[in-house]
Amino acid sequence: MTASLLDARTASRSATQISDQLLLLGAQISATSNLDQSIVEISALKSKLDDSLNLFADICLAPSFLTGRL
């Protein structure tokens, strides 16, 4: 459940900002989990890789979960 909320928001970006940045970068982020593991993946254009990885790091390292959604 938590994995599905990873792209919702971070400490510095709203869900809309994340979505807009992904569109501008031509990137996709997906997150899945099961009892044994959690996986977060990014697919990005080589020419936009640095910016895409910065966004990816923010999503993975600084998620912000709204209490009502957990």
Protein backbone atom coordinates (compact mmCIF):
# COMPACT_ATOMS: atom_id res chain seq x y z
CA MET A 1 0.00 0.00 0.00
CA THR A 2 2.77 2.44 0.88
CA ALA A 3 4.47 1.77 -2.47
CA SER A 4 1.37 2.95 -4.31
CA LEU A 5 1.56 6.30 -2.50
CA LEU A 6 5.23 7.02 -3.28
CA ASP A 7 4.48 9.27 -6.25
CA ALA A 8 1.77 11.16 -4.38
CA ARG A 9 3.95 13.90 -2.88
CA THR A 10 7.28 14.69 -1.30
CA ALA A 11 8.43 17.17 1.29
CA SER A 12 9.13 19.69 -1.48
CA ARG A 13 6.74 18.72 -4.33
CA SER A 14 3.00 18.22 -4.63
CA ALA A 15 1.49 15.34 -6.59
CA THR A 16 0.71 17.76 -9.42
CA GLN A 17 4.29 19.03 -9.52
CA ILE A 18 5.64 15.48 -9.63
CA SER A 19 3.26 14.55 -12.44
CA ASP A 20 4.11 17.68 -14.41
CA GLN A 21 7.85 17.10 -14.02
CA LEU A 22 7.56 13.49 -15.12
CA LEU A 23 5.71 14.61 -18.25
CA LEU A 24 8.29 17.29 -19.04
CA LEU A 25 11.15 14.85 -18.53
CA GLY A 26 9.51 12.02 -20.46
CA ALA A 27 10.04 9.77 -17.45
CA GLN A 28 7.94 7.17 -15.67
CA ILE A 29 8.24 5.96 -12.10
CA SER A 30 6.63 2.81 -10.76
CA ALA A 31 6.60 1.23 -7.32
CA THR A 32 5.51 -2.23 -6.24
CA SER A 33 5.86 -4.29 -3.12
CA ASN A 34 5.05 -7.68 -1.67
CA LEU A 35 5.86 -9.49 1.56
CA ASP A 36 9.53 -9.92 0.68
CA GLN A 37 10.55 -6.80 -1.22
CA SER A 38 9.76 -3.33 -2.43
CA ILE A 39 10.80 -2.15 -5.88
CA VAL A 40 10.90 1.41 -7.18
CA GLU A 41 11.86 1.82 -10.84
CA ILE A 42 12.43 4.71 -13.19
CA SER A 43 12.36 4.82 -16.96
CA ALA A 44 13.87 8.01 -18.37
CA LEU A 45 15.33 9.54 -21.49
CA LYS A 46 19.12 9.53 -21.51
CA SER A 47 19.19 13.24 -22.30
CA LYS A 48 17.09 13.98 -19.18
CA LEU A 49 18.64 11.37 -16.90
CA ASP A 50 20.22 13.73 -14.34
CA ASP A 51 17.00 15.68 -13.76
CA SER A 52 14.98 12.45 -13.73
CA LEU A 53 17.28 10.89 -11.12
CA ASN A 54 17.01 14.01 -8.94
CA LEU A 55 13.21 13.68 -9.00
CA PHE A 56 13.48 9.92 -8.39
CA ALA A 57 15.73 10.53 -5.36
CA ASP A 58 13.30 13.07 -3.93
CA ILE A 59 10.40 10.64 -4.31
CA CYS A 60 12.32 7.74 -2.72
CA LEU A 61 14.14 9.62 0.03
CA ALA A 62 11.64 12.31 1.07
CA PRO A 63 8.10 10.97 0.63
CA SER A 64 5.33 12.82 2.40
CA PHE A 65 2.24 10.80 3.26
CA LEU A 66 -1.03 12.45 4.16
CA THR A 67 -2.34 10.87 7.35
CA GLY A 68 -5.82 10.37 5.94
CA ARG A 69 -4.52 8.23 3.05
CA LEU A 70 -2.62 5.59 5.07
